[in-house]
Amino acid sequence: MKLTGQGRLLRVFVGERDVIDHKALYEVIVLKAREGGLAGATVLRGMMGFGARSRTLHTAKILRLSEDLPMVVEIVDSEERIAAFLPVVEELFRRSGCGGLVTTERAEVIQYTAGG
């Protein structure tokens, strides 16, 4: 797959404990992105955060280990492919009953190559 120039960054913010069909929601999003042939996805685990569902601060500090840290799934691809994937994300949120935040922004793809 060739991906250069103007692209789109999709960010999906969920909680670590959010699940769908007994799997972590962030994991299912990544698997669906791979099935859909998107360029790639990365999951980032937040050290601290809060969101719309809970104003309680979730943190990874040693003395107060949270079991529901924020997770961010980042996917970069063309504008068209990201737009086509958004309904998949919406359906996963609907089926899971979990809340979250979904954002997109422009991304200038400088390099997208396989190593080796």
C-alpha atoms as a PDB file:
ATOM      1  CA  MET A   1       0.000   0.000   0.000  1.00  0.00           C
ATOM      2  CA  LYS A   2       1.252   3.443  -0.865  1.00  0.00           C
ATOM      3  CA  LEU A   3       0.360   6.299   1.426  1.00  0.00           C
ATOM      4  CA  THR A   4       1.920   9.728   1.049  1.00  0.00           C
ATOM      5  CA  GLY A   5       0.825  13.336   1.176  1.00  0.00           C
ATOM      6  CA  GLN A   6      -2.444  14.448   2.715  1.00  0.00           C
ATOM      7  CA  GLY A   7      -3.977  11.857   5.023  1.00  0.00           C
ATOM      8  CA  ARG A   8      -6.279  11.689   8.026  1.00  0.00           C
ATOM      9  CA  LEU A   9      -5.573  10.776  11.647  1.00  0.00           C
ATOM     10  CA  LEU A  10      -8.374   9.057  13.528  1.00  0.00           C
ATOM     11  CA  ARG A  11      -8.137   9.016  17.329  1.00  0.00           C
ATOM     12  CA  VAL A  12     -10.459   6.896  19.430  1.00  0.00           C
ATOM     13  CA  PHE A  13     -10.373   7.426  23.204  1.00  0.00           C
ATOM     14  CA  VAL A  14     -11.781   4.603  25.344  1.00  0.00           C
ATOM     15  CA  GLY A  15     -11.271   3.150  28.791  1.00  0.00           C
ATOM     16  CA  GLU A  16      -9.042   0.186  29.477  1.00  0.00           C
ATOM     17  CA  ARG A  17     -11.996  -1.797  30.891  1.00  0.00           C
ATOM     18  CA  ASP A  18     -14.346  -1.080  27.979  1.00  0.00           C
ATOM     19  CA  VAL A  19     -15.258  -4.391  26.365  1.00  0.00           C
ATOM     20  CA  ILE A  20     -17.268  -5.796  23.506  1.00  0.00           C
ATOM     21  CA  ASP A  21     -17.962  -9.526  23.136  1.00  0.00           C
ATOM     22  CA  HIS A  22     -15.570 -10.247  26.048  1.00  0.00           C
ATOM     23  CA  LYS A  23     -12.643  -8.496  24.309  1.00  0.00           C
ATOM     24  CA  ALA A  24     -11.095  -5.113  25.017  1.00  0.00           C
ATOM     25  CA  LEU A  25     -12.795  -2.479  22.858  1.00  0.00           C
ATOM     26  CA  TYR A  26      -9.452  -0.948  21.801  1.00  0.00           C
ATOM     27  CA  GLU A  27      -8.299  -4.387  20.631  1.00  0.00           C
ATOM     28  CA  VAL A  28     -11.459  -4.966  18.585  1.00  0.00           C
ATOM     29  CA  ILE A  29     -11.061  -1.541  16.941  1.00  0.00           C
ATOM     30  CA  VAL A  30      -7.507  -2.419  15.877  1.00  0.00           C
ATOM     31  CA  LEU A  31      -8.572  -5.842  14.562  1.00  0.00           C
ATOM     32  CA  LYS A  32     -11.420  -4.258  12.564  1.00  0.00           C
ATOM     33  CA  ALA A  33      -8.978  -1.681  11.142  1.00  0.00           C
ATOM     34  CA  ARG A  34      -6.668  -4.490  10.039  1.00  0.00           C
ATOM     35  CA  GLU A  35      -9.587  -6.429   8.531  1.00  0.00           C
ATOM     36  CA  GLY A  36     -10.609  -3.259   6.705  1.00  0.00           C
ATOM     37  CA  GLY A  37      -7.162  -2.907   5.156  1.00  0.00           C
ATOM     38  CA  LEU A  38      -6.290   0.381   6.829  1.00  0.00           C
ATOM     39  CA  ALA A  39      -2.639   1.418   6.737  1.00  0.00           C
ATOM     40  CA  GLY A  40      -1.945   0.783  10.433  1.00  0.00           C
ATOM     41  CA  ALA A  41      -3.070   1.356  13.994  1.00  0.00           C
ATOM     42  CA  THR A  42      -1.369   2.038  17.307  1.00  0.00           C
ATOM     43  CA  VAL A  43      -2.777   1.752  20.830  1.00  0.00           C
ATOM     44  CA  LEU A  44      -1.418   4.093  23.492  1.00  0.00           C
ATOM     45  CA  ARG A  45      -2.068   3.595  27.207  1.00  0.00           C
ATOM     46  CA  GLY A  46      -2.528   6.827  29.090  1.00  0.00           C
ATOM     47  CA  MET A  47      -0.828   7.483  32.404  1.00  0.00           C
ATOM     48  CA  MET A  48      -3.621   9.707  33.685  1.00  0.00           C
ATOM     49  CA  GLY A  49      -6.961  11.020  32.542  1.00  0.00           C
ATOM     50  CA  PHE A  50     -10.692  11.488  33.008  1.00  0.00           C
ATOM     51  CA  GLY A  51     -13.612  11.730  30.661  1.00  0.00           C
ATOM     52  CA  ALA A  52     -17.294  12.364  30.180  1.00  0.00           C
ATOM     53  CA  ARG A  53     -18.408   9.248  32.038  1.00  0.00           C
ATOM     54  CA  SER A  54     -16.320   9.814  35.133  1.00  0.00           C
ATOM     55  CA  ARG A  55     -14.790  12.927  36.617  1.00  0.00           C
ATOM     56  CA  THR A  56     -12.718  10.615  38.822  1.00  0.00           C
ATOM     57  CA  LEU A  57      -9.039  10.862  37.952  1.00  0.00           C
ATOM     58  CA  HIS A  58      -7.628   7.592  36.616  1.00  0.00           C
ATOM     59  CA  THR A  59      -3.899   7.342  37.215  1.00  0.00           C
ATOM     60  CA  ALA A  60      -1.050   4.833  36.950  1.00  0.00           C
ATOM     61  CA  LYS A  61       0.784   6.097  40.049  1.00  0.00           C
ATOM     62  CA  ILE A  62       2.273   3.325  42.189  1.00  0.00           C
ATOM     63  CA  LEU A  63       0.174   4.063  45.287  1.00  0.00           C
ATOM     64  CA  ARG A  64      -3.099   4.187  43.364  1.00  0.00           C
ATOM     65  CA  LEU A  65      -3.182   1.749  40.493  1.00  0.00           C
ATOM     66  CA  SER A  66      -6.205   2.303  38.304  1.00  0.00           C
ATOM     67  CA  GLU A  67      -7.854  -0.576  36.526  1.00  0.00           C
ATOM     68  CA  ASP A  68      -9.399   1.705  33.925  1.00  0.00           C
ATOM     69  CA  LEU A  69      -6.669   3.855  32.412  1.00  0.00           C
ATOM     70  CA  PRO A  70      -7.363   5.825  29.237  1.00  0.00           C
ATOM     71  CA  MET A  71      -6.543   4.072  25.974  1.00  0.00           C
ATOM     72  CA  VAL A  72      -6.071   5.865  22.654  1.00  0.00           C
ATOM     73  CA  VAL A  73      -6.240   4.114  19.287  1.00  0.00           C
ATOM     74  CA  GLU A  74      -4.563   6.086  16.502  1.00  0.00           C
ATOM     75  CA  ILE A  75      -5.105   5.192  12.855  1.00  0.00           C
ATOM     76  CA  VAL A  76      -3.665   7.086   9.882  1.00  0.00           C
ATOM     77  CA  ASP A  77      -4.854   6.532   6.342  1.00  0.00           C
ATOM     78  CA  SER A  78      -6.414   8.462   3.462  1.00  0.00           C
ATOM     79  CA  GLU A  79      -9.363  10.726   4.141  1.00  0.00           C
ATOM     80  CA  GLU A  80     -11.670   8.394   2.208  1.00  0.00           C
ATOM     81  CA  ARG A  81     -10.605   5.236   4.052  1.00  0.00           C
ATOM     82  CA  ILE A  82     -10.909   6.895   7.471  1.00  0.00           C
ATOM     83  CA  ALA A  83     -14.360   8.227   6.548  1.00  0.00           C
ATOM     84  CA  ALA A  84     -15.398   4.725   5.480  1.00  0.00           C
ATOM     85  CA  PHE A  85     -14.138   3.285   8.796  1.00  0.00           C
ATOM     86  CA  LEU A  86     -16.006   5.737  11.042  1.00  0.00           C
ATOM     87  CA  PRO A  87     -19.334   3.838  10.821  1.00  0.00           C
ATOM     88  CA  VAL A  88     -17.501   0.712  12.004  1.00  0.00           C
ATOM     89  CA  VAL A  89     -16.272   2.574  15.088  1.00  0.00           C
ATOM     90  CA  GLU A  90     -19.743   3.995  15.701  1.00  0.00           C
ATOM     91  CA  GLU A  91     -21.254   0.502  15.513  1.00  0.00           C
ATOM     92  CA  LEU A  92     -18.666  -0.870  17.968  1.00  0.00           C
ATOM     93  CA  PHE A  93     -19.534   1.903  20.441  1.00  0.00           C
ATOM     94  CA  ARG A  94     -23.233   1.175  19.993  1.00  0.00           C
ATOM     95  CA  ARG A  95     -22.837  -2.589  20.476  1.00  0.00           C
ATOM     96  CA  SER A  96     -20.517  -2.229  23.470  1.00  0.00           C
ATOM     97  CA  GLY A  97     -22.624   0.377  25.247  1.00  0.00           C
ATOM     98  CA  CYS A  98     -19.361   2.112  26.162  1.00  0.00           C
ATOM     99  CA  GLY A  99     -18.727   5.812  25.888  1.00  0.00           C
ATOM    100  CA  GLY A 100     -15.704   7.434  24.360  1.00  0.00           C
ATOM    101  CA  LEU A 101     -14.405  10.203  22.171  1.00  0.00           C
ATOM    102  CA  VAL A 102     -13.631  10.039  18.457  1.00  0.00           C
ATOM    103  CA  THR A 103     -11.672  12.772  16.678  1.00  0.00           C
ATOM    104  CA  THR A 104     -10.085  13.240  13.276  1.00  0.00           C
ATOM    105  CA  GLU A 105      -7.556  15.692  11.969  1.00  0.00           C
ATOM    106  CA  ARG A 106      -5.452  16.263   8.900  1.00  0.00           C
ATOM    107  CA  ALA A 107      -2.149  14.418   8.797  1.00  0.00           C
ATOM    108  CA  GLU A 108       0.693  14.990   6.383  1.00  0.00           C
ATOM    109  CA  VAL A 109       2.165  11.548   5.667  1.00  0.00           C
ATOM    110  CA  ILE A 110       5.904  11.967   5.208  1.00  0.00           C
ATOM    111  CA  GLN A 111       6.904   8.321   5.016  1.00  0.00           C
ATOM    112  CA  TYR A 112       5.042   5.011   5.134  1.00  0.00           C
ATOM    113  CA  THR A 113       7.290   2.071   4.337  1.00  0.00           C
ATOM    114  CA  ALA A 114       7.904  -1.436   5.592  1.00  0.00           C
ATOM    115  CA  GLY A 115      11.223  -2.015   7.339  1.00  0.00           C
ATOM    116  CA  GLY A 116      13.860  -4.442   6.200  1.00  0.00           C
END
